[in-house]
Amino acid sequence: MKSGCKGKESLAATLCSKTPGFQLDESKEYAEMWMGDYPVLPAKELKTGKELHQIVNENKEQLLGKNCVDKFEGVLPFLPKILSIAKALPLQIHPNKELAEKLHKEDPEKFTDPNHKPEIAIALGPFEVFAGWKATDDIRVLFDVLPPIKRFLPAQTAPFNNETLRQICQNILTASDEEIRKTQDELARIPRDNYGEQAYILDLLPRLQEQYSKEDPGNLVALLTMNFLQLSAGDAIYIPADAPHAYLSGDIVECMARSNNVLNTGFCPRADRDNIDLFTCALTFSPHNAEEVKLATSQTDKSKTGKTRVYAPPMSEFNMLKTSLKEGEKETIRAIAGPSVLFAIGGSGKLIADGQTHDIREGYVFFVGQGVEVTHEATNELEVYQAYAE
């Protein structure tokens, strides 16, 4: 990925640098740190170098529990990551399970598994993202007041609904480079007041053009039809399968169903764009406003002291716990009937589990088998995330 942050500016790289043997190069960009058993970039046991998927495969019921073995076919059903984003990632969707199965069968080298990939993203600081669709009325008003974009309207626009929106995206994505560039030049000359509450479009347009080009259709699809969110540390979003999104900047915890399938159509060179008909046909139209994209936290019965909250997306593969401790504080996470991957984002302390005490500090990652209670004791402020399945 060429959208990462350079050297120590990348949180993903800084956390990776806590692993013995990883040499951080200040001249390189680093975008992602993976912490699952997916064979493309699997986590490894520190002492032996053995890959996590091998460890899980040899001890499925002991580590995953019978319920997870039966439900998820004997693999860790989620994939947690740290992302450090310096410029917009491709405008993309992750195909639903039915489509993923079809694509994997047709092209297993490109689509490396038959699974869907709904996901969450949790901001670790300021985080900018395009995600989901704007409310229909907010999209329609732009096409009413901005003459240059009327060329992308289908012949029939009454009623203005999701099928109208699908055709608009199709028309933008199939337009010529000249048409895309001309439209953006014309939009830039329209007075700010004409944009009403969506005047931020004029601020983002030159930034996106500089990162990619005036010929990139993703600029128009994202700015005209998708929610633009500016989130703070602790805020989170949920992206269902087939929902369009593009991360713009920031450090995040990302977790998804165990898959690496993606369809890209913008914020990338033309050669890297996938089939436009396939992309537009697959689109889902939920979420359909900014609030629907957001994922709230709540109290969790996994916590014994109340210092842990849970992000619980509407999917079966995982939930995500977040434990925040001040110096000298303690938290115990009750035994979970399924596997976990936990990782520290900041601070240091002790992790006590299964009768053993381990150091934990930023960048440390632990796999926890089913049925194991975990206690954290903070030496200084400690922030720990724990993805789990049941």
Protein backbone atom coordinates (compact mmCIF):
# COMPACT_ATOMS: atom_id res chain seq x y z
CA MET A 1 0.00 0.00 0.00
CA LYS A 2 1.41 3.45 -0.97
CA SER A 3 -0.78 5.45 1.40
CA GLY A 4 1.15 4.84 4.61
CA CYS A 5 3.08 7.21 6.87
CA LYS A 6 6.86 7.45 6.73
CA GLY A 7 9.14 5.97 9.37
CA LYS A 8 8.28 6.79 12.98
CA GLU A 9 5.35 8.91 11.82
CA SER A 10 3.58 5.58 11.24
CA LEU A 11 1.98 4.18 14.37
CA ALA A 12 1.77 0.80 12.64
CA ALA A 13 5.55 0.80 12.18
CA THR A 14 6.23 2.13 15.68
CA LEU A 15 4.19 -0.69 17.20
CA CYS A 16 5.83 -3.25 14.89
CA SER A 17 9.25 -2.00 16.01
CA LYS A 18 8.61 -3.47 19.47
CA THR A 19 8.92 -6.92 17.89
CA PRO A 20 12.50 -8.23 17.96
CA GLY A 21 13.97 -8.39 14.47
CA PHE A 22 11.86 -5.62 12.94
CA GLN A 23 14.06 -2.76 11.73
CA LEU A 24 12.19 0.52 11.18
CA ASP A 25 13.49 2.39 8.13
CA GLU A 26 12.86 6.14 8.31
CA SER A 27 12.87 6.36 4.51
CA LYS A 28 10.03 3.85 4.03
CA GLU A 29 6.27 4.20 4.26
CA TYR A 30 4.41 1.83 6.56
CA ALA A 31 0.63 1.47 6.36
CA GLU A 32 -0.51 -1.73 8.07
CA MET A 33 0.23 -4.09 10.95
CA TRP A 34 -1.68 -7.39 10.76
CA MET A 35 -2.39 -9.53 13.84
CA GLY A 36 -4.39 -12.55 12.71
CA ASP A 37 -3.94 -16.00 11.22
CA TYR A 38 -4.66 -15.01 7.61
CA PRO A 39 -1.94 -16.74 5.55
CA VAL A 40 -0.96 -13.61 3.56
CA LEU A 41 0.60 -11.89 6.61
CA PRO A 42 0.12 -14.22 9.58
CA ALA A 43 1.10 -13.41 13.15
CA LYS A 44 3.90 -15.60 14.48
CA GLU A 45 4.77 -16.96 17.90
CA LEU A 46 7.66 -14.89 19.25
CA LYS A 47 9.73 -17.76 20.66
CA THR A 48 9.44 -20.24 17.78
CA GLY A 49 8.42 -18.18 14.73
CA LYS A 50 5.56 -20.60 14.14
CA GLU A 51 2.66 -19.04 12.25
CA LEU A 52 -0.57 -18.53 14.15
CA HIS A 53 -2.72 -20.43 11.66
CA GLN A 54 -0.49 -23.50 12.19
CA ILE A 55 -0.82 -23.22 15.96
CA VAL A 56 -4.60 -22.87 15.73
CA ASN A 57 -4.90 -25.72 13.24
CA GLU A 58 -3.06 -28.10 15.57
CA ASN A 59 -5.19 -27.22 18.62
CA LYS A 60 -8.54 -26.14 17.22
CA GLU A 61 -10.98 -27.15 19.95
CA GLN A 62 -8.60 -26.25 22.78
CA LEU A 63 -7.90 -22.75 21.44
CA LEU A 64 -11.09 -21.85 19.56
CA GLY A 65 -13.70 -23.84 21.46
CA LYS A 66 -16.15 -26.26 19.88
CA ASN A 67 -18.73 -23.57 19.11
CA CYS A 68 -16.26 -21.47 17.11
CA VAL A 69 -14.84 -24.53 15.38
CA ASP A 70 -18.34 -25.50 14.23
CA LYS A 71 -19.44 -21.96 13.39
CA PHE A 72 -16.29 -20.72 11.63
CA GLU A 73 -14.81 -23.92 10.18
CA GLY A 74 -11.84 -24.09 12.51
CA VAL A 75 -10.13 -20.78 11.75
CA LEU A 76 -9.81 -17.49 13.63
CA PRO A 77 -12.86 -15.69 12.20
CA PHE A 78 -11.51 -12.14 12.43
CA LEU A 79 -8.45 -10.16 11.37
CA PRO A 80 -7.31 -7.18 13.49
CA LYS A 81 -4.96 -4.54 12.08
CA ILE A 82 -3.39 -1.18 12.84
CA LEU A 83 -3.54 1.26 9.92
CA SER A 84 -1.52 4.47 9.57
CA ILE A 85 -2.92 6.49 6.67
CA ALA A 86 -1.23 9.52 5.09
CA LYS A 87 -3.37 9.86 1.96
CA ALA A 88 -6.63 8.44 0.67
CA LEU A 89 -6.82 4.67 0.35
CA PRO A 90 -8.67 3.39 -2.73
CA LEU A 91 -12.40 3.98 -2.97
CA GLN A 92 -13.61 0.43 -2.49
CA ILE A 93 -16.16 -2.14 -1.42
CA HIS A 94 -15.67 -5.60 0.05
CA PRO A 95 -17.92 -8.14 -1.70
CA ASN A 96 -20.64 -9.99 0.16
CA LYS A 97 -20.28 -13.70 0.82
CA GLU A 98 -22.20 -14.89 -2.24
CA LEU A 99 -20.20 -12.65 -4.58
CA ALA A 100 -16.93 -13.49 -2.80
CA GLU A 101 -17.55 -17.20 -3.35
CA LYS A 102 -18.16 -16.59 -7.06
CA LEU A 103 -15.10 -14.36 -7.50
CA HIS A 104 -12.84 -16.73 -5.56
CA LYS A 105 -13.91 -19.63 -7.75
CA GLU A 106 -13.27 -17.61 -10.94
CA ASP A 107 -9.99 -15.95 -9.89
CA PRO A 108 -8.49 -17.43 -6.70
CA GLU A 109 -5.20 -15.54 -7.15
CA LYS A 110 -6.91 -12.14 -6.97
CA PHE A 111 -9.76 -13.06 -4.62
CA THR A 112 -7.91 -15.25 -2.16
CA ASP A 113 -10.84 -16.52 -0.08
CA PRO A 114 -14.61 -17.09 -0.39
CA ASN A 115 -15.57 -14.96 2.60
CA HIS A 116 -17.21 -11.57 3.07
CA LYS A 117 -15.42 -8.71 4.83
CA PRO A 118 -17.59 -6.39 6.92
CA GLU A 119 -15.32 -4.32 9.15
CA ILE A 120 -14.99 -1.71 11.86
CA ALA A 121 -12.51 1.15 12.22
CA ILE A 122 -11.75 2.76 15.59
CA ALA A 123 -9.98 6.12 15.60
CA LEU A 124 -6.80 6.36 17.69
CA GLY A 125 -6.61 10.12 17.06
CA PRO A 126 -7.96 12.44 14.34
CA PHE A 127 -9.35 10.24 11.56
CA GLU A 128 -10.90 11.33 8.25
CA VAL A 129 -12.98 8.95 6.16
CA PHE A 130 -15.54 8.72 3.38
CA ALA A 131 -18.02 6.03 4.39
CA GLY A 132 -21.51 5.05 3.28
CA TRP A 133 -23.96 7.27 1.44
CA LYS A 134 -25.15 10.75 2.28
CA ALA A 135 -28.85 11.14 2.98
CA THR A 136 -30.76 11.07 -0.31
CA ASP A 137 -31.97 14.67 0.09
CA ASP A 138 -28.38 15.88 0.60
CA ILE A 139 -27.31 14.24 -2.66
CA ARG A 140 -30.36 15.42 -4.58
CA VAL A 141 -29.86 19.06 -3.57
CA LEU A 142 -26.34 19.03 -5.01
CA PHE A 143 -27.67 17.86 -8.37
CA ASP A 144 -30.32 20.60 -8.20
CA VAL A 145 -27.88 23.49 -7.56
CA LEU A 146 -24.65 22.40 -9.28
CA PRO A 147 -25.12 22.44 -13.10
CA PRO A 148 -21.79 20.71 -13.99
CA ILE A 149 -22.84 17.41 -12.37
CA LYS A 150 -26.21 17.17 -14.08
CA ARG A 151 -24.43 15.39 -16.95
CA PHE A 152 -24.16 12.32 -14.71
CA LEU A 153 -27.89 12.06 -14.02
CA PRO A 154 -29.77 9.17 -15.66
CA ALA A 155 -32.55 10.01 -18.11
CA GLN A 156 -35.19 9.11 -15.51
CA THR A 157 -34.67 10.77 -12.11
CA ALA A 158 -38.16 10.59 -10.64
CA PRO A 159 -38.22 9.29 -8.02
CA PHE A 160 -34.64 10.12 -6.94
CA ASN A 161 -33.81 6.87 -5.16
CA ASN A 162 -31.06 4.31 -4.67
CA GLU A 163 -31.28 3.09 -8.26
CA THR A 164 -30.78 6.70 -9.36
CA LEU A 165 -27.72 6.81 -7.14
CA ARG A 166 -26.39 3.55 -8.57
CA GLN A 167 -26.69 4.95 -12.11
CA ILE A 168 -25.01 8.22 -11.10
CA CYS A 169 -22.03 6.26 -9.79
CA GLN A 170 -21.95 4.17 -12.96
CA ASN A 171 -22.00 7.30 -15.12
CA ILE A 172 -19.21 8.97 -13.17
CA LEU A 173 -17.00 5.89 -13.10
CA THR A 174 -17.37 5.28 -16.85
CA ALA A 175 -16.91 8.93 -17.88
CA SER A 176 -13.83 9.96 -19.86
CA ASP A 177 -10.82 11.54 -18.18
CA GLU A 178 -11.63 14.79 -20.00
CA GLU A 179 -15.21 14.78 -18.69
CA ILE A 180 -14.08 14.14 -15.11
CA ARG A 181 -11.45 16.88 -15.27
CA LYS A 182 -13.84 19.37 -16.89
CA THR A 183 -16.50 18.72 -14.22
CA GLN A 184 -14.06 19.30 -11.39
CA ASP A 185 -12.75 22.51 -12.94
CA GLU A 186 -16.32 23.79 -13.29
CA LEU A 187 -17.21 22.84 -9.70
CA ALA A 188 -14.18 24.75 -8.39
CA ARG A 189 -15.49 27.96 -10.02
CA ILE A 190 -18.94 27.80 -8.41
CA PRO A 191 -19.37 30.22 -5.44
CA ARG A 192 -19.02 28.63 -2.02
CA ASP A 193 -22.48 29.78 -0.93
CA ASN A 194 -24.07 27.61 -3.61
CA TYR A 195 -22.88 24.49 -1.79
CA GLY A 196 -24.74 25.35 1.42
CA GLU A 197 -23.81 23.01 4.28
CA GLN A 198 -21.69 20.92 1.91
CA ALA A 199 -19.15 23.68 1.14
CA TYR A 200 -16.43 21.39 2.53
CA ILE A 201 -16.45 19.87 -0.97
CA LEU A 202 -14.45 22.88 -2.19
CA ASP A 203 -11.87 22.36 0.56
CA LEU A 204 -11.38 18.66 -0.12
CA LEU A 205 -11.42 18.80 -3.93
CA PRO A 206 -7.89 20.24 -4.45
CA ARG A 207 -6.49 17.97 -1.76
CA LEU A 208 -7.82 14.84 -3.47
CA GLN A 209 -6.68 16.11 -6.87
CA GLU A 210 -3.16 16.61 -5.56
CA GLN A 211 -3.03 13.12 -4.07
CA TYR A 212 -4.21 11.43 -7.26
CA SER A 213 -5.37 13.55 -10.22
CA LYS A 214 -8.15 15.66 -11.67
CA GLU A 215 -9.01 12.65 -13.82
CA ASP A 216 -9.78 10.34 -10.89
CA PRO A 217 -13.55 9.64 -10.79
CA GLY A 218 -13.27 8.76 -7.10
CA ASN A 219 -13.06 12.47 -6.35
CA LEU A 220 -16.60 13.01 -7.64
CA VAL A 221 -18.18 9.82 -6.30
CA ALA A 222 -16.84 10.47 -2.79
CA LEU A 223 -17.50 14.20 -2.59
CA LEU A 224 -20.96 14.18 -4.15
CA THR A 225 -22.50 10.98 -2.80
CA MET A 226 -20.63 9.75 0.31
CA ASN A 227 -20.49 10.87 3.94
CA PHE A 228 -17.31 12.69 4.96
CA LEU A 229 -16.57 12.13 8.65
CA GLN A 230 -13.91 13.66 10.89
CA LEU A 231 -13.60 11.45 13.96
CA SER A 232 -11.67 11.67 17.23
CA ALA A 233 -9.92 9.06 19.38
CA GLY A 234 -12.40 6.39 20.48
CA ASP A 235 -14.95 7.12 17.74
CA ALA A 236 -15.75 4.16 15.50
CA ILE A 237 -17.55 3.25 12.29
CA TYR A 238 -19.02 0.03 10.88
CA ILE A 239 -18.72 -0.79 7.17
CA PRO A 240 -20.98 -3.65 5.97
CA ALA A 241 -20.12 -5.76 2.95
CA ASP A 242 -20.72 -3.96 -0.39
CA ALA A 243 -20.71 -0.50 1.26
CA PRO A 244 -18.37 2.09 -0.34
CA HIS A 245 -15.63 3.64 1.77
CA ALA A 246 -12.21 5.28 1.56
CA TYR A 247 -9.98 6.13 4.52
CA LEU A 248 -8.29 9.53 4.09
CA SER A 249 -5.95 10.06 7.04
CA GLY A 250 -5.19 9.00 10.59
CA ASP A 251 -4.26 6.04 12.78
CA ILE A 252 -6.92 3.41 13.42
CA VAL A 253 -7.61 -0.01 14.82
CA GLU A 254 -9.33 -1.96 12.07
CA CYS A 255 -10.95 -5.35 12.46
CA MET A 256 -12.81 -7.38 9.89
CA ALA A 257 -14.18 -10.78 9.08
CA ARG A 258 -11.37 -13.07 7.95
CA SER A 259 -10.98 -12.00 4.32
CA ASN A 260 -8.75 -9.98 1.99
CA ASN A 261 -11.20 -9.44 -0.89
CA VAL A 262 -11.68 -5.95 -2.30
CA LEU A 263 -13.01 -4.13 -5.38
CA ASN A 264 -11.38 -0.74 -6.11
CA THR A 265 -12.71 1.95 -8.47
CA GLY A 266 -11.17 5.26 -7.41
CA PHE A 267 -8.25 6.96 -5.64
CA CYS A 268 -5.93 4.66 -7.56
CA PRO A 269 -4.36 4.43 -11.04
CA ARG A 270 -6.70 3.34 -13.82
CA ALA A 271 -4.81 0.06 -14.17
CA ASP A 272 -5.64 -0.81 -10.55
CA ARG A 273 -9.39 -0.24 -10.91
CA ASP A 274 -11.70 -3.23 -10.94
CA ASN A 275 -14.68 -3.91 -13.18
CA ILE A 276 -17.08 -0.97 -12.90
CA ASP A 277 -20.22 -2.98 -13.71
CA LEU A 278 -19.30 -5.51 -11.02
CA PHE A 279 -18.68 -2.72 -8.52
CA THR A 280 -21.90 -0.81 -9.15
CA CYS A 281 -24.08 -3.91 -9.30
CA ALA A 282 -22.75 -5.07 -5.93
CA LEU A 283 -23.34 -1.75 -4.14
CA THR A 284 -25.53 -1.79 -1.05
CA PHE A 285 -27.27 1.39 0.08
CA SER A 286 -26.91 1.10 3.82
CA PRO A 287 -25.70 3.06 5.72
CA HIS A 288 -27.43 6.08 4.18
CA ASN A 289 -26.45 8.99 6.43
CA ALA A 290 -23.50 9.90 8.62
CA GLU A 291 -25.07 8.78 11.90
CA GLU A 292 -25.82 5.30 10.55
CA VAL A 293 -22.12 4.82 9.82
CA LYS A 294 -21.04 5.39 13.42
CA LEU A 295 -20.58 2.51 15.87
CA ALA A 296 -21.14 3.34 19.54
CA THR A 297 -19.53 1.64 22.54
CA SER A 298 -21.32 0.21 25.55
CA GLN A 299 -20.60 -1.41 28.89
CA THR A 300 -19.66 -5.08 28.72
CA ASP A 301 -20.30 -8.00 31.04
CA LYS A 302 -16.80 -9.26 30.20
CA SER A 303 -15.38 -6.59 32.53
CA LYS A 304 -15.07 -7.11 36.30
CA THR A 305 -14.20 -3.51 37.20
CA GLY A 306 -16.04 -1.47 34.55
CA LYS A 307 -12.88 -0.14 32.91
CA THR A 308 -13.59 -1.89 29.62
CA ARG A 309 -16.10 -1.04 26.91
CA VAL A 310 -17.18 -3.02 23.85
CA TYR A 311 -17.64 -2.18 20.19
CA ALA A 312 -20.24 -4.69 18.97
CA PRO A 313 -20.93 -4.49 15.23
CA PRO A 314 -24.01 -6.24 13.77
CA MET A 315 -22.10 -9.33 12.62
CA SER A 316 -21.22 -12.70 14.14
CA GLU A 317 -17.46 -12.89 13.60
CA PHE A 318 -16.21 -10.62 16.41
CA ASN A 319 -16.64 -7.89 19.00
CA MET A 320 -13.86 -5.55 20.12
CA LEU A 321 -13.06 -4.67 23.75
CA LYS A 322 -11.20 -1.52 24.76
CA THR A 323 -9.59 -1.40 28.22
CA SER A 324 -8.26 1.94 29.50
CA LEU A 325 -6.31 1.97 32.76
CA LYS A 326 -4.58 4.72 34.71
CA GLU A 327 -1.34 4.11 36.58
CA GLY A 328 -1.86 1.49 39.32
CA GLU A 329 -5.33 0.43 38.10
CA LYS A 330 -6.37 -3.16 37.42
CA GLU A 331 -8.94 -4.82 35.18
CA THR A 332 -9.97 -8.44 34.75
CA ILE A 333 -11.62 -9.70 31.56
CA ARG A 334 -13.77 -12.72 32.31
CA ALA A 335 -13.10 -15.95 30.43
CA ILE A 336 -14.53 -15.82 26.91
CA ALA A 337 -15.99 -18.86 25.17
CA GLY A 338 -13.87 -18.29 22.10
CA PRO A 339 -10.49 -17.00 20.90
CA SER A 340 -9.08 -13.49 21.35
CA VAL A 341 -6.26 -11.37 19.98
CA LEU A 342 -5.29 -8.56 22.35
CA PHE A 343 -2.77 -5.80 21.73
CA ALA A 344 -1.51 -2.73 23.58
CA ILE A 345 -1.62 0.65 21.86
CA GLY A 346 0.05 2.59 24.66
CA GLY A 347 1.50 2.34 28.14
CA SER A 348 2.85 -0.65 30.00
CA GLY A 349 2.02 -3.09 32.78
CA LYS A 350 1.49 -6.75 33.53
CA LEU A 351 -0.79 -9.28 31.90
CA ILE A 352 -1.79 -12.24 34.08
CA ALA A 353 -3.41 -15.25 32.45
CA ASP A 354 -3.53 -19.00 33.02
CA GLY A 355 -1.27 -18.70 36.08
CA GLN A 356 1.49 -16.81 34.25
CA THR A 357 2.53 -13.14 34.37
CA HIS A 358 3.76 -11.38 31.24
CA ASP A 359 5.01 -7.87 30.50
CA ILE A 360 2.68 -5.87 28.28
CA ARG A 361 3.49 -2.58 26.61
CA GLU A 362 2.70 -0.74 23.42
CA GLY A 363 3.18 -2.98 20.39
CA TYR A 364 2.84 -6.25 22.32
CA VAL A 365 0.32 -8.72 20.86
CA PHE A 366 -1.13 -11.81 22.58
CA PHE A 367 -3.30 -14.65 21.34
CA VAL A 368 -5.68 -15.86 24.09
CA GLY A 369 -7.37 -19.23 23.80
CA GLN A 370 -11.00 -19.78 24.75
CA GLY A 371 -11.91 -20.06 28.43
CA VAL A 372 -8.93 -18.03 29.76
CA GLU A 373 -9.46 -15.13 32.18
CA VAL A 374 -7.07 -12.18 31.65
CA THR A 375 -6.01 -9.53 34.19
CA HIS A 376 -4.26 -6.27 33.33
CA GLU A 377 -2.26 -4.28 35.89
CA ALA A 378 -1.11 -0.87 34.66
CA THR A 379 2.37 0.39 35.52
CA ASN A 380 1.47 3.59 33.70
CA GLU A 381 -1.54 4.49 31.56
CA LEU A 382 -2.38 1.36 29.58
CA GLU A 383 -4.67 1.04 26.56
CA VAL A 384 -5.49 -2.45 25.33
CA TYR A 385 -7.78 -3.67 22.55
CA GLN A 386 -9.10 -7.24 22.44
CA ALA A 387 -10.90 -8.72 19.45
CA TYR A 388 -12.84 -11.88 20.29
CA ALA A 389 -15.33 -14.35 18.90
CA GLU A 390 -17.78 -16.65 20.72
